[in-house]
């Protein structure tokens, strides 16, 4: 999820997802071009499952997505 969304920033959008039982367990990776390295702890503390800066290195990003999907499958017993 991009942190710079129109009308609602990524932090507020994540809070809304986490507040809803139907969406609270969905893994969400923060994506931003403007975050500095000192903001990473704040982003993760907000509840994001990962953090990626732009431009996105595609292979690295796909690996992170795969890891998130694998973790979700393990947690739910789905393979």
PDB file of N, CA and C in Angstrom:
ATOM      1  N   UNK A   1       0.834  -1.165   0.000  1.00  0.00           N
ATOM      2  CA  UNK A   1       0.000   0.000   0.000  1.00  0.00           C
ATOM      3  C   UNK A   1       0.884   1.235   0.000  1.00  0.00           C
ATOM      4  N   UNK A   2       0.590   2.127  -0.924  1.00  0.00           N
ATOM      5  CA  UNK A   2       1.331   3.388  -0.965  1.00  0.00           C
ATOM      6  C   UNK A   2       0.960   4.218   0.259  1.00  0.00           C
ATOM      7  N   UNK A   3       1.922   4.890   0.835  1.00  0.00           N
ATOM      8  CA  UNK A   3       1.648   5.736   1.996  1.00  0.00           C
ATOM      9  C   UNK A   3       1.027   7.064   1.600  1.00  0.00           C
ATOM     10  N   UNK A   4       1.218   7.471   0.354  1.00  0.00           N
ATOM     11  CA  UNK A   4       0.688   8.744  -0.140  1.00  0.00           C
ATOM     12  C   UNK A   4      -0.533   8.478  -1.008  1.00  0.00           C
ATOM     13  N   UNK A   5      -1.683   8.265  -0.389  1.00  0.00           N
ATOM     14  CA  UNK A   5      -2.921   8.013  -1.113  1.00  0.00           C
ATOM     15  C   UNK A   5      -3.763   9.290  -1.152  1.00  0.00           C
ATOM     16  N   UNK A   6      -4.556   9.478  -2.197  1.00  0.00           N
ATOM     17  CA  UNK A   6      -5.424  10.656  -2.237  1.00  0.00           C
ATOM     18  C   UNK A   6      -6.589  10.500  -1.255  1.00  0.00           C
ATOM     19  N   UNK A   7      -6.815  11.517  -0.445  1.00  0.00           N
ATOM     20  CA  UNK A   7      -7.957  11.493   0.462  1.00  0.00           C
ATOM     21  C   UNK A   7      -7.711  10.816   1.797  1.00  0.00           C
ATOM     22  N   UNK A   8      -6.792   9.855   1.846  1.00  0.00           N
ATOM     23  CA  UNK A   8      -6.490   9.129   3.079  1.00  0.00           C
ATOM     24  C   UNK A   8      -5.079   8.587   2.939  1.00  0.00           C
ATOM     25  N   UNK A   9      -4.229   8.829   3.926  1.00  0.00           N
ATOM     26  CA  UNK A   9      -2.876   8.295   3.791  1.00  0.00           C
ATOM     27  C   UNK A   9      -2.851   6.803   4.116  1.00  0.00           C
ATOM     28  N   UNK A  10      -1.758   6.165   3.806  1.00  0.00           N
ATOM     29  CA  UNK A  10      -1.631   4.733   4.006  1.00  0.00           C
ATOM     30  C   UNK A  10      -1.766   4.306   5.457  1.00  0.00           C
ATOM     31  N   UNK A  11      -1.345   5.165   6.383  1.00  0.00           N
ATOM     32  CA  UNK A  11      -1.473   4.845   7.810  1.00  0.00           C
ATOM     33  C   UNK A  11      -2.945   4.748   8.210  1.00  0.00           C
ATOM     34  N   UNK A  12      -3.754   5.700   7.749  1.00  0.00           N
ATOM     35  CA  UNK A  12      -5.183   5.686   8.062  1.00  0.00           C
ATOM     36  C   UNK A  12      -5.873   4.509   7.379  1.00  0.00           C
ATOM     37  N   UNK A  13      -5.483   4.227   6.144  1.00  0.00           N
ATOM     38  CA  UNK A  13      -6.075   3.092   5.434  1.00  0.00           C
ATOM     39  C   UNK A  13      -5.737   1.779   6.137  1.00  0.00           C
ATOM     40  N   UNK A  14      -4.492   1.651   6.595  1.00  0.00           N
ATOM     41  CA  UNK A  14      -4.104   0.441   7.317  1.00  0.00           C
ATOM     42  C   UNK A  14      -4.892   0.320   8.621  1.00  0.00           C
ATOM     43  N   UNK A  15      -5.057   1.426   9.336  1.00  0.00           N
ATOM     44  CA  UNK A  15      -5.822   1.394  10.584  1.00  0.00           C
ATOM     45  C   UNK A  15      -7.249   0.919  10.333  1.00  0.00           C
ATOM     46  N   UNK A  16      -7.844   1.359   9.228  1.00  0.00           N
ATOM     47  CA  UNK A  16      -9.192   0.919   8.888  1.00  0.00           C
ATOM     48  C   UNK A  16      -9.221  -0.576   8.581  1.00  0.00           C
ATOM     49  N   UNK A  17      -8.216  -1.063   7.861  1.00  0.00           N
ATOM     50  CA  UNK A  17      -8.147  -2.496   7.569  1.00  0.00           C
ATOM     51  C   UNK A  17      -7.978  -3.313   8.838  1.00  0.00           C
ATOM     52  N   UNK A  18      -7.112  -2.857   9.731  1.00  0.00           N
ATOM     53  CA  UNK A  18      -6.842  -3.591  10.972  1.00  0.00           C
ATOM     54  C   UNK A  18      -8.034  -3.546  11.929  1.00  0.00           C
ATOM     55  N   UNK A  19      -8.879  -2.532  11.815  1.00  0.00           N
ATOM     56  CA  UNK A  19     -10.041  -2.400  12.692  1.00  0.00           C
ATOM     57  C   UNK A  19     -11.206  -3.296  12.263  1.00  0.00           C
ATOM     58  N   UNK A  20     -11.163  -3.827  11.062  1.00  0.00           N
ATOM     59  CA  UNK A  20     -12.243  -4.655  10.524  1.00  0.00           C
ATOM     60  C   UNK A  20     -11.841  -6.123  10.615  1.00  0.00           C
ATOM     61  N   UNK A  21     -12.636  -6.933  11.290  1.00  0.00           N
ATOM     62  CA  UNK A  21     -12.320  -8.355  11.469  1.00  0.00           C
ATOM     63  C   UNK A  21     -12.143  -9.075  10.133  1.00  0.00           C
ATOM     64  N   UNK A  22     -12.835  -8.635   9.107  1.00  0.00           N
ATOM     65  CA  UNK A  22     -12.751  -9.292   7.800  1.00  0.00           C
ATOM     66  C   UNK A  22     -11.431  -9.022   7.086  1.00  0.00           C
ATOM     67  N   UNK A  23     -10.735  -7.937   7.453  1.00  0.00           N
ATOM     68  CA  UNK A  23      -9.506  -7.569   6.743  1.00  0.00           C
ATOM     69  C   UNK A  23      -8.293  -7.444   7.651  1.00  0.00           C
ATOM     70  N   UNK A  24      -8.457  -7.629   8.941  1.00  0.00           N
ATOM     71  CA  UNK A  24      -7.355  -7.356   9.876  1.00  0.00           C
ATOM     72  C   UNK A  24      -6.140  -8.243   9.684  1.00  0.00           C
ATOM     73  N   UNK A  25      -6.305  -9.440   9.139  1.00  0.00           N
ATOM     74  CA  UNK A  25      -5.176 -10.353   8.997  1.00  0.00           C
ATOM     75  C   UNK A  25      -4.493 -10.277   7.631  1.00  0.00           C
ATOM     76  N   UNK A  26      -4.990  -9.433   6.747  1.00  0.00           N
ATOM     77  CA  UNK A  26      -4.384  -9.308   5.418  1.00  0.00           C
ATOM     78  C   UNK A  26      -3.009  -8.667   5.559  1.00  0.00           C
ATOM     79  N   UNK A  27      -1.959  -9.303   5.033  1.00  0.00           N
ATOM     80  CA  UNK A  27      -0.631  -8.680   5.094  1.00  0.00           C
ATOM     81  C   UNK A  27      -0.591  -7.422   4.222  1.00  0.00           C
ATOM     82  N   UNK A  28       0.004  -6.368   4.751  1.00  0.00           N
ATOM     83  CA  UNK A  28       0.093  -5.104   4.020  1.00  0.00           C
ATOM     84  C   UNK A  28       1.539  -4.614   4.069  1.00  0.00           C
ATOM     85  N   UNK A  29       2.102  -4.370   2.909  1.00  0.00           N
ATOM     86  CA  UNK A  29       3.461  -3.852   2.780  1.00  0.00           C
ATOM     87  C   UNK A  29       3.372  -2.373   2.422  1.00  0.00           C
ATOM     88  N   UNK A  30       4.054  -1.543   3.184  1.00  0.00           N
ATOM     89  CA  UNK A  30       4.090  -0.109   2.903  1.00  0.00           C
ATOM     90  C   UNK A  30       5.021   0.145   1.725  1.00  0.00           C
ATOM     91  N   UNK A  31       4.581   0.982   0.802  1.00  0.00           N
ATOM     92  CA  UNK A  31       5.383   1.356  -0.363  1.00  0.00           C
ATOM     93  C   UNK A  31       5.415   2.872  -0.427  1.00  0.00           C
ATOM     94  N   UNK A  32       6.619   3.437  -0.520  1.00  0.00           N
ATOM     95  CA  UNK A  32       6.716   4.891  -0.571  1.00  0.00           C
ATOM     96  C   UNK A  32       8.016   5.344  -1.219  1.00  0.00           C
ATOM     97  N   UNK A  33       7.957   6.492  -1.827  1.00  0.00           N
ATOM     98  CA  UNK A  33       9.159   7.101  -2.406  1.00  0.00           C
ATOM     99  C   UNK A  33       9.757   8.121  -1.455  1.00  0.00           C
ATOM    100  N   UNK A  34       8.979   8.526  -0.452  1.00  0.00           N
ATOM    101  CA  UNK A  34       9.418   9.641   0.376  1.00  0.00           C
ATOM    102  C   UNK A  34       9.925   9.251   1.759  1.00  0.00           C
ATOM    103  N   UNK A  35       9.812   8.005   2.157  1.00  0.00           N
ATOM    104  CA  UNK A  35      10.217   7.621   3.514  1.00  0.00           C
ATOM    105  C   UNK A  35      11.733   7.577   3.640  1.00  0.00           C
ATOM    106  N   UNK A  36      12.200   8.103   4.737  1.00  0.00           N
ATOM    107  CA  UNK A  36      13.621   8.049   5.053  1.00  0.00           C
ATOM    108  C   UNK A  36      13.855   6.821   5.922  1.00  0.00           C
ATOM    109  N   UNK A  37      15.088   6.374   6.005  1.00  0.00           N
ATOM    110  CA  UNK A  37      15.389   5.155   6.744  1.00  0.00           C
ATOM    111  C   UNK A  37      14.972   5.253   8.213  1.00  0.00           C
ATOM    112  N   UNK A  38      14.993   6.449   8.801  1.00  0.00           N
ATOM    113  CA  UNK A  38      14.579   6.590  10.198  1.00  0.00           C
ATOM    114  C   UNK A  38      13.073   6.423  10.378  1.00  0.00           C
ATOM    115  N   UNK A  39      12.305   6.436   9.283  1.00  0.00           N
ATOM    116  CA  UNK A  39      10.862   6.251   9.357  1.00  0.00           C
ATOM    117  C   UNK A  39      10.463   4.772   9.348  1.00  0.00           C
ATOM    118  N   UNK A  40      11.385   3.906   8.996  1.00  0.00           N
ATOM    119  CA  UNK A  40      11.068   2.480   8.911  1.00  0.00           C
ATOM    120  C   UNK A  40      10.483   1.932  10.215  1.00  0.00           C
ATOM    121  N   UNK A  41      11.089   2.216  11.388  1.00  0.00           N
ATOM    122  CA  UNK A  41      10.490   1.708  12.632  1.00  0.00           C
ATOM    123  C   UNK A  41       9.064   2.223  12.850  1.00  0.00           C
ATOM    124  N   UNK A  42       8.798   3.479  12.499  1.00  0.00           N
ATOM    125  CA  UNK A  42       7.458   4.050  12.636  1.00  0.00           C
ATOM    126  C   UNK A  42       6.476   3.317  11.730  1.00  0.00           C
ATOM    127  N   UNK A  43       6.895   3.030  10.519  1.00  0.00           N
ATOM    128  CA  UNK A  43       6.036   2.339   9.559  1.00  0.00           C
ATOM    129  C   UNK A  43       5.707   0.933  10.057  1.00  0.00           C
ATOM    130  N   UNK A  44       6.713   0.213  10.519  1.00  0.00           N
ATOM    131  CA  UNK A  44       6.481  -1.141  11.014  1.00  0.00           C
ATOM    132  C   UNK A  44       5.678  -1.124  12.317  1.00  0.00           C
ATOM    133  N   UNK A  45       5.934  -0.136  13.181  1.00  0.00           N
ATOM    134  CA  UNK A  45       5.188  -0.026  14.437  1.00  0.00           C
ATOM    135  C   UNK A  45       3.711   0.277  14.186  1.00  0.00           C
ATOM    136  N   UNK A  46       3.398   0.904  13.058  1.00  0.00           N
ATOM    137  CA  UNK A  46       2.008   1.208  12.716  1.00  0.00           C
ATOM    138  C   UNK A  46       1.231  -0.049  12.341  1.00  0.00           C
ATOM    139  N   UNK A  47       1.950  -1.150  12.120  1.00  0.00           N
ATOM    140  CA  UNK A  47       1.272  -2.403  11.811  1.00  0.00           C
ATOM    141  C   UNK A  47       1.479  -2.926  10.404  1.00  0.00           C
ATOM    142  N   UNK A  48       2.296  -2.230   9.614  1.00  0.00           N
ATOM    143  CA  UNK A  48       2.597  -2.748   8.286  1.00  0.00           C
ATOM    144  C   UNK A  48       3.459  -3.995   8.439  1.00  0.00           C
ATOM    145  N   UNK A  49       3.283  -4.944   7.541  1.00  0.00           N
ATOM    146  CA  UNK A  49       4.027  -6.205   7.599  1.00  0.00           C
ATOM    147  C   UNK A  49       5.368  -6.127   6.912  1.00  0.00           C
ATOM    148  N   UNK A  50       5.593  -5.085   6.176  1.00  0.00           N
ATOM    149  CA  UNK A  50       6.853  -4.892   5.478  1.00  0.00           C
ATOM    150  C   UNK A  50       6.931  -3.472   4.972  1.00  0.00           C
ATOM    151  N   UNK A  51       8.053  -3.177   4.341  1.00  0.00           N
ATOM    152  CA  UNK A  51       8.342  -1.808   3.913  1.00  0.00           C
ATOM    153  C   UNK A  51       9.158  -1.877   2.641  1.00  0.00           C
ATOM    154  N   UNK A  52       8.777  -1.108   1.639  1.00  0.00           N
ATOM    155  CA  UNK A  52       9.512  -1.092   0.378  1.00  0.00           C
ATOM    156  C   UNK A  52       9.579   0.330  -0.142  1.00  0.00           C
ATOM    157  N   UNK A  53      10.772   0.771  -0.510  1.00  0.00           N
ATOM    158  CA  UNK A  53      10.916   2.097  -1.093  1.00  0.00           C
ATOM    159  C   UNK A  53      10.813   2.018  -2.614  1.00  0.00           C
ATOM    160  N   UNK A  54      10.421   3.139  -3.203  1.00  0.00           N
ATOM    161  CA  UNK A  54      10.384   3.253  -4.658  1.00  0.00           C
ATOM    162  C   UNK A  54      11.701   3.840  -5.122  1.00  0.00           C
ATOM    163  N   UNK A  55      12.173   3.539  -6.289  1.00  0.00           N
ATOM    164  CA  UNK A  55      11.586   2.577  -7.205  1.00  0.00           C
ATOM    165  C   UNK A  55      11.718   1.159  -6.657  1.00  0.00           C
ATOM    166  N   UNK A  56      10.728   0.361  -6.943  1.00  0.00           N
ATOM    167  CA  UNK A  56      10.663  -0.999  -6.407  1.00  0.00           C
ATOM    168  C   UNK A  56      11.555  -1.927  -7.220  1.00  0.00           C
ATOM    169  N   UNK A  57      12.503  -2.588  -6.540  1.00  0.00           N
ATOM    170  CA  UNK A  57      13.265  -3.638  -7.231  1.00  0.00           C
ATOM    171  C   UNK A  57      12.333  -4.855  -7.371  1.00  0.00           C
ATOM    172  N   UNK A  58      11.898  -5.126  -8.574  1.00  0.00           N
ATOM    173  CA  UNK A  58      10.816  -6.081  -8.817  1.00  0.00           C
ATOM    174  C   UNK A  58      11.098  -7.452  -8.222  1.00  0.00           C
ATOM    175  N   UNK A  59      12.255  -8.014  -8.437  1.00  0.00           N
ATOM    176  CA  UNK A  59      12.542  -9.354  -7.912  1.00  0.00           C
ATOM    177  C   UNK A  59      12.483  -9.385  -6.391  1.00  0.00           C
ATOM    178  N   UNK A  60      13.065  -8.379  -5.760  1.00  0.00           N
ATOM    179  CA  UNK A  60      13.038  -8.302  -4.295  1.00  0.00           C
ATOM    180  C   UNK A  60      11.604  -8.162  -3.787  1.00  0.00           C
ATOM    181  N   UNK A  61      10.820  -7.321  -4.443  1.00  0.00           N
ATOM    182  CA  UNK A  61       9.437  -7.117  -4.039  1.00  0.00           C
ATOM    183  C   UNK A  61       8.630  -8.400  -4.193  1.00  0.00           C
ATOM    184  N   UNK A  62       8.812  -9.097  -5.297  1.00  0.00           N
ATOM    185  CA  UNK A  62       8.094 -10.354  -5.510  1.00  0.00           C
ATOM    186  C   UNK A  62       8.466 -11.389  -4.460  1.00  0.00           C
ATOM    187  N   UNK A  63       9.725 -11.400  -4.037  1.00  0.00           N
ATOM    188  CA  UNK A  63      10.162 -12.318  -2.985  1.00  0.00           C
ATOM    189  C   UNK A  63       9.463 -11.991  -1.663  1.00  0.00           C
ATOM    190  N   UNK A  64       9.355 -10.712  -1.352  1.00  0.00           N
ATOM    191  CA  UNK A  64       8.672 -10.295  -0.115  1.00  0.00           C
ATOM    192  C   UNK A  64       7.201 -10.692  -0.169  1.00  0.00           C
ATOM    193  N   UNK A  65       6.559 -10.482  -1.305  1.00  0.00           N
ATOM    194  CA  UNK A  65       5.153 -10.869  -1.469  1.00  0.00           C
ATOM    195  C   UNK A  65       5.014 -12.380  -1.303  1.00  0.00           C
ATOM    196  N   UNK A  66       5.914 -13.157  -1.898  1.00  0.00           N
ATOM    197  CA  UNK A  66       5.874 -14.611  -1.774  1.00  0.00           C
ATOM    198  C   UNK A  66       5.999 -15.020  -0.313  1.00  0.00           C
ATOM    199  N   UNK A  67       6.910 -14.382   0.429  1.00  0.00           N
ATOM    200  CA  UNK A  67       7.085 -14.692   1.849  1.00  0.00           C
ATOM    201  C   UNK A  67       5.818 -14.385   2.641  1.00  0.00           C
ATOM    202  N   UNK A  68       5.174 -13.266   2.330  1.00  0.00           N
ATOM    203  CA  UNK A  68       3.927 -12.913   3.014  1.00  0.00           C
ATOM    204  C   UNK A  68       2.840 -13.943   2.721  1.00  0.00           C
ATOM    205  N   UNK A  69       2.737 -14.357   1.479  1.00  0.00           N
ATOM    206  CA  UNK A  69       1.737 -15.360   1.115  1.00  0.00           C
ATOM    207  C   UNK A  69       2.024 -16.701   1.785  1.00  0.00           C
ATOM    208  N   UNK A  70       3.293 -17.088   1.830  1.00  0.00           N
ATOM    209  CA  UNK A  70       3.663 -18.340   2.475  1.00  0.00           C
ATOM    210  C   UNK A  70       3.353 -18.299   3.959  1.00  0.00           C
ATOM    211  N   UNK A  71       3.638 -17.179   4.618  1.00  0.00           N
ATOM    212  CA  UNK A  71       3.341 -17.035   6.046  1.00  0.00           C
ATOM    213  C   UNK A  71       1.849 -17.129   6.299  1.00  0.00           C
ATOM    214  N   UNK A  72       1.069 -16.501   5.432  1.00  0.00           N
ATOM    215  CA  UNK A  72      -0.382 -16.560   5.574  1.00  0.00           C
ATOM    216  C   UNK A  72      -0.908 -17.970   5.396  1.00  0.00           C
ATOM    217  N   UNK A  73      -0.336 -18.696   4.438  1.00  0.00           N
ATOM    218  CA  UNK A  73      -0.751 -20.067   4.207  1.00  0.00           C
ATOM    219  C   UNK A  73      -0.402 -20.949   5.404  1.00  0.00           C
ATOM    220  N   UNK A  74       0.766 -20.747   5.968  1.00  0.00           N
ATOM    221  CA  UNK A  74       1.162 -21.531   7.142  1.00  0.00           C
ATOM    222  C   UNK A  74       0.255 -21.221   8.326  1.00  0.00           C
ATOM    223  N   UNK A  75      -0.078 -19.963   8.507  1.00  0.00           N
ATOM    224  CA  UNK A  75      -0.897 -19.561   9.652  1.00  0.00           C
ATOM    225  C   UNK A  75      -2.319 -20.113   9.569  1.00  0.00           C
ATOM    226  N   UNK A  76      -2.812 -20.276   8.346  1.00  0.00           N
ATOM    227  CA  UNK A  76      -4.177 -20.750   8.174  1.00  0.00           C
ATOM    228  C   UNK A  76      -4.259 -22.235   7.861  1.00  0.00           C
ATOM    229  N   UNK A  77      -3.105 -22.858   7.665  1.00  0.00           N
ATOM    230  CA  UNK A  77      -3.075 -24.278   7.332  1.00  0.00           C
ATOM    231  C   UNK A  77      -3.372 -24.581   5.879  1.00  0.00           C
ATOM    232  N   UNK A  78      -3.418 -23.530   5.063  1.00  0.00           N
ATOM    233  CA  UNK A  78      -3.664 -23.691   3.621  1.00  0.00           C
ATOM    234  C   UNK A  78      -2.311 -23.824   2.936  1.00  0.00           C
ATOM    235  N   UNK A  79      -2.193 -24.803   2.046  1.00  0.00           N
ATOM    236  CA  UNK A  79      -0.933 -24.966   1.318  1.00  0.00           C
ATOM    237  C   UNK A  79      -1.132 -24.849  -0.170  1.00  0.00           C
TER     238      UNK A  79
END
